[in-house]
Structures are given as C-alpha cells and as structure tokens.
N, C-alpha and C. Protein backbone atom coordinates (compact mmCIF):
# COMPACT_ATOMS: atom_id res chain seq x y z
N MET A 1 -10.08 -31.51 -54.03
CA MET A 1 -10.00 -30.20 -53.42
C MET A 1 -8.54 -29.95 -53.01
N ALA A 2 -8.09 -28.74 -53.22
CA ALA A 2 -6.70 -28.38 -52.94
C ALA A 2 -6.56 -27.81 -51.53
N THR A 3 -5.35 -27.87 -51.04
CA THR A 3 -5.02 -27.26 -49.75
C THR A 3 -4.03 -26.13 -50.00
N ILE A 4 -4.30 -24.99 -49.38
CA ILE A 4 -3.42 -23.83 -49.48
C ILE A 4 -2.96 -23.48 -48.07
N SER A 5 -1.65 -23.37 -47.88
CA SER A 5 -1.12 -23.00 -46.57
C SER A 5 -1.02 -21.49 -46.46
N LEU A 6 -1.27 -21.00 -45.27
CA LEU A 6 -1.24 -19.57 -45.02
C LEU A 6 -0.53 -19.34 -43.69
N TYR A 7 0.48 -18.49 -43.68
CA TYR A 7 1.21 -18.21 -42.45
C TYR A 7 0.75 -16.87 -41.89
N LEU A 8 0.35 -16.89 -40.62
CA LEU A 8 -0.16 -15.70 -39.95
C LEU A 8 0.55 -15.53 -38.62
N ASP A 9 0.65 -14.28 -38.17
CA ASP A 9 1.12 -14.10 -36.81
C ASP A 9 -0.04 -14.42 -35.87
N GLY A 10 0.26 -14.58 -34.61
CA GLY A 10 -0.74 -15.00 -33.63
C GLY A 10 -1.93 -14.06 -33.54
N LYS A 11 -1.67 -12.78 -33.65
CA LYS A 11 -2.73 -11.78 -33.55
C LYS A 11 -3.73 -11.92 -34.71
N ASP A 12 -3.21 -12.05 -35.93
CA ASP A 12 -4.08 -12.20 -37.09
C ASP A 12 -4.83 -13.53 -37.04
N GLU A 13 -4.16 -14.58 -36.60
CA GLU A 13 -4.81 -15.89 -36.49
C GLU A 13 -6.00 -15.82 -35.53
N LYS A 14 -5.78 -15.21 -34.40
CA LYS A 14 -6.85 -15.09 -33.40
C LYS A 14 -8.01 -14.26 -33.94
N LEU A 15 -7.69 -13.16 -34.60
CA LEU A 15 -8.71 -12.30 -35.18
C LEU A 15 -9.57 -13.07 -36.19
N ILE A 16 -8.92 -13.78 -37.09
CA ILE A 16 -9.63 -14.54 -38.13
C ILE A 16 -10.46 -15.65 -37.52
N LYS A 17 -9.89 -16.41 -36.61
CA LYS A 17 -10.63 -17.50 -35.97
C LYS A 17 -11.85 -16.98 -35.21
N ASN A 18 -11.66 -15.92 -34.46
CA ASN A 18 -12.78 -15.37 -33.69
C ASN A 18 -13.87 -14.81 -34.60
N TYR A 19 -13.47 -14.14 -35.66
CA TYR A 19 -14.46 -13.58 -36.57
C TYR A 19 -15.24 -14.70 -37.26
N ALA A 20 -14.55 -15.70 -37.77
CA ALA A 20 -15.22 -16.83 -38.43
C ALA A 20 -16.18 -17.51 -37.46
N LYS A 21 -15.74 -17.70 -36.23
CA LYS A 21 -16.59 -18.33 -35.21
C LYS A 21 -17.84 -17.49 -34.96
N SER A 22 -17.68 -16.16 -34.93
CA SER A 22 -18.83 -15.28 -34.67
C SER A 22 -19.85 -15.34 -35.80
N LYS A 23 -19.42 -15.76 -36.97
CA LYS A 23 -20.32 -15.89 -38.12
C LYS A 23 -20.75 -17.34 -38.33
N ASN A 24 -20.42 -18.20 -37.36
CA ASN A 24 -20.74 -19.64 -37.43
C ASN A 24 -20.18 -20.29 -38.69
N MET A 25 -18.94 -19.93 -38.99
CA MET A 25 -18.25 -20.48 -40.16
C MET A 25 -16.93 -21.09 -39.72
N SER A 26 -16.47 -22.06 -40.48
CA SER A 26 -15.11 -22.55 -40.26
C SER A 26 -14.16 -21.50 -40.83
N VAL A 27 -12.93 -21.54 -40.37
CA VAL A 27 -11.92 -20.61 -40.90
C VAL A 27 -11.76 -20.84 -42.40
N SER A 28 -11.76 -22.09 -42.82
CA SER A 28 -11.61 -22.41 -44.23
C SER A 28 -12.76 -21.82 -45.05
N ASP A 29 -14.00 -22.01 -44.60
CA ASP A 29 -15.15 -21.45 -45.31
C ASP A 29 -15.09 -19.93 -45.35
N PHE A 30 -14.71 -19.32 -44.24
CA PHE A 30 -14.62 -17.87 -44.18
C PHE A 30 -13.58 -17.33 -45.16
N LEU A 31 -12.37 -17.90 -45.13
CA LEU A 31 -11.32 -17.42 -46.03
C LEU A 31 -11.67 -17.67 -47.49
N ARG A 32 -12.30 -18.81 -47.78
CA ARG A 32 -12.73 -19.09 -49.15
C ARG A 32 -13.75 -18.05 -49.60
N SER A 33 -14.71 -17.75 -48.74
CA SER A 33 -15.77 -16.81 -49.13
C SER A 33 -15.22 -15.40 -49.37
N ILE A 34 -14.29 -14.95 -48.53
CA ILE A 34 -13.77 -13.60 -48.74
C ILE A 34 -12.84 -13.54 -49.95
N ALA A 35 -12.13 -14.63 -50.23
CA ALA A 35 -11.27 -14.65 -51.43
C ALA A 35 -12.12 -14.59 -52.69
N VAL A 36 -13.17 -15.40 -52.75
CA VAL A 36 -14.05 -15.40 -53.92
C VAL A 36 -14.75 -14.05 -54.06
N GLU A 37 -15.20 -13.49 -52.94
CA GLU A 37 -15.86 -12.17 -52.98
C GLU A 37 -14.92 -11.10 -53.52
N LYS A 38 -13.66 -11.13 -53.10
CA LYS A 38 -12.68 -10.16 -53.57
C LYS A 38 -12.45 -10.29 -55.07
N ILE A 39 -12.34 -11.52 -55.55
CA ILE A 39 -12.15 -11.76 -56.98
C ILE A 39 -13.36 -11.26 -57.77
N GLU A 40 -14.56 -11.57 -57.28
CA GLU A 40 -15.78 -11.10 -57.95
C GLU A 40 -15.85 -9.58 -57.97
N ASP A 41 -15.48 -8.93 -56.87
CA ASP A 41 -15.47 -7.47 -56.82
C ASP A 41 -14.48 -6.89 -57.83
N ASP A 42 -13.31 -7.50 -57.93
CA ASP A 42 -12.31 -7.02 -58.88
C ASP A 42 -12.79 -7.17 -60.33
N ILE A 43 -13.44 -8.29 -60.63
CA ILE A 43 -13.99 -8.49 -61.98
C ILE A 43 -15.06 -7.45 -62.26
N ASP A 44 -15.94 -7.21 -61.29
CA ASP A 44 -16.97 -6.17 -61.45
C ASP A 44 -16.35 -4.81 -61.72
N ASN A 45 -15.30 -4.47 -60.98
CA ASN A 45 -14.63 -3.18 -61.18
C ASN A 45 -13.98 -3.08 -62.56
N GLN A 46 -13.38 -4.17 -63.02
CA GLN A 46 -12.78 -4.19 -64.34
C GLN A 46 -13.83 -3.99 -65.43
N LEU A 47 -14.97 -4.66 -65.27
CA LEU A 47 -16.06 -4.51 -66.25
C LEU A 47 -16.61 -3.09 -66.25
N TYR A 48 -16.72 -2.52 -65.06
CA TYR A 48 -17.20 -1.14 -64.96
C TYR A 48 -16.24 -0.18 -65.67
N GLU A 49 -14.95 -0.31 -65.39
CA GLU A 49 -13.95 0.56 -66.02
C GLU A 49 -13.96 0.40 -67.53
N LYS A 50 -14.10 -0.83 -68.00
CA LYS A 50 -14.17 -1.08 -69.44
C LYS A 50 -15.40 -0.40 -70.04
N ALA A 51 -16.52 -0.53 -69.37
CA ALA A 51 -17.76 0.07 -69.87
C ALA A 51 -17.66 1.59 -69.93
N ILE A 52 -17.07 2.19 -68.92
CA ILE A 52 -16.90 3.65 -68.89
C ILE A 52 -15.99 4.09 -70.04
N ARG A 53 -14.86 3.39 -70.23
CA ARG A 53 -13.94 3.72 -71.33
C ARG A 53 -14.64 3.62 -72.68
N GLU A 54 -15.36 2.52 -72.88
CA GLU A 54 -16.04 2.31 -74.16
C GLU A 54 -17.11 3.38 -74.39
N PHE A 55 -17.83 3.74 -73.34
CA PHE A 55 -18.87 4.75 -73.49
C PHE A 55 -18.27 6.11 -73.82
N LYS A 56 -17.16 6.45 -73.16
CA LYS A 56 -16.51 7.74 -73.44
C LYS A 56 -15.98 7.80 -74.86
N GLU A 57 -15.51 6.67 -75.38
CA GLU A 57 -14.99 6.61 -76.74
C GLU A 57 -16.11 6.65 -77.78
N ASN A 58 -17.24 6.05 -77.43
CA ASN A 58 -18.35 5.94 -78.38
C ASN A 58 -19.68 5.95 -77.62
N PRO A 59 -20.13 7.15 -77.19
CA PRO A 59 -21.38 7.20 -76.42
C PRO A 59 -22.57 6.78 -77.27
N GLN A 60 -23.24 5.74 -76.83
CA GLN A 60 -24.42 5.27 -77.54
C GLN A 60 -25.30 4.45 -76.61
N ASP A 61 -26.57 4.37 -76.95
CA ASP A 61 -27.49 3.53 -76.20
C ASP A 61 -27.28 2.08 -76.58
N VAL A 62 -27.57 1.19 -75.65
CA VAL A 62 -27.44 -0.25 -75.90
C VAL A 62 -28.79 -0.89 -75.61
N SER A 63 -29.22 -1.75 -76.52
CA SER A 63 -30.50 -2.43 -76.31
C SER A 63 -30.37 -3.46 -75.20
N LEU A 64 -31.51 -3.83 -74.62
CA LEU A 64 -31.52 -4.84 -73.58
C LEU A 64 -30.98 -6.17 -74.11
N GLU A 65 -31.34 -6.52 -75.32
CA GLU A 65 -30.86 -7.77 -75.91
C GLU A 65 -29.34 -7.76 -76.09
N ALA A 66 -28.80 -6.65 -76.55
CA ALA A 66 -27.34 -6.55 -76.70
C ALA A 66 -26.65 -6.65 -75.35
N MET A 67 -27.24 -6.05 -74.32
CA MET A 67 -26.68 -6.12 -72.97
C MET A 67 -26.70 -7.56 -72.45
N ARG A 68 -27.79 -8.26 -72.68
CA ARG A 68 -27.87 -9.67 -72.26
C ARG A 68 -26.79 -10.50 -72.94
N LYS A 69 -26.60 -10.27 -74.23
CA LYS A 69 -25.59 -11.02 -74.99
C LYS A 69 -24.19 -10.74 -74.42
N GLU A 70 -23.89 -9.47 -74.14
CA GLU A 70 -22.59 -9.09 -73.57
C GLU A 70 -22.38 -9.74 -72.20
N LEU A 71 -23.40 -9.68 -71.37
CA LEU A 71 -23.26 -10.23 -70.01
C LEU A 71 -23.16 -11.75 -70.01
N SER A 72 -23.75 -12.39 -71.00
CA SER A 72 -23.70 -13.86 -71.04
C SER A 72 -22.28 -14.37 -71.24
N LEU A 73 -21.38 -13.53 -71.72
CA LEU A 73 -19.98 -13.92 -71.89
C LEU A 73 -19.29 -14.11 -70.54
N TYR A 74 -19.81 -13.51 -69.49
CA TYR A 74 -19.19 -13.53 -68.17
C TYR A 74 -19.89 -14.46 -67.19
N CYS A 75 -21.00 -15.02 -67.58
CA CYS A 75 -21.77 -15.87 -66.66
C CYS A 75 -21.74 -17.31 -67.07
C-alpha cells in the first residue's frame, strides 16, 4: 500500500478530521473514498458524453445484449 502526503492549512485539516470522525471513518478512509468516488463520477460523465455524441451522430436503438457487451469493457 502506498502513502500519499497532503498539505493542508489548519482550517481544512480540522474540517476534514471532524467530518471523517462524524462519519465514523479514519481520515485516510474518508479521503480514499471521496477520491475514488470522484474518479468514478468522472468516468461516468465521460461515458455519458461519449454516448450522447455517438447517438447524435448515428441515432439508433441498441439491443440489451449489445449494451451488456459494451458495458463489460468497463467492468
């Protein structure tokens, strides 16, 4: 497991520590969870934008099987 250093001012440190504590999480677990969530949200947004572009270029219905095959590339 890797260690990542993060420099915060006192106000931000207190905010993060108190919030993590209120959720019964360590600061490390809290920061890891929000970083992963942000990455997942960005990937979802990229896939959405790609789907909209592709649909506008070539509007067509997609079968459930084709959708499963497409989604399996990301899971």
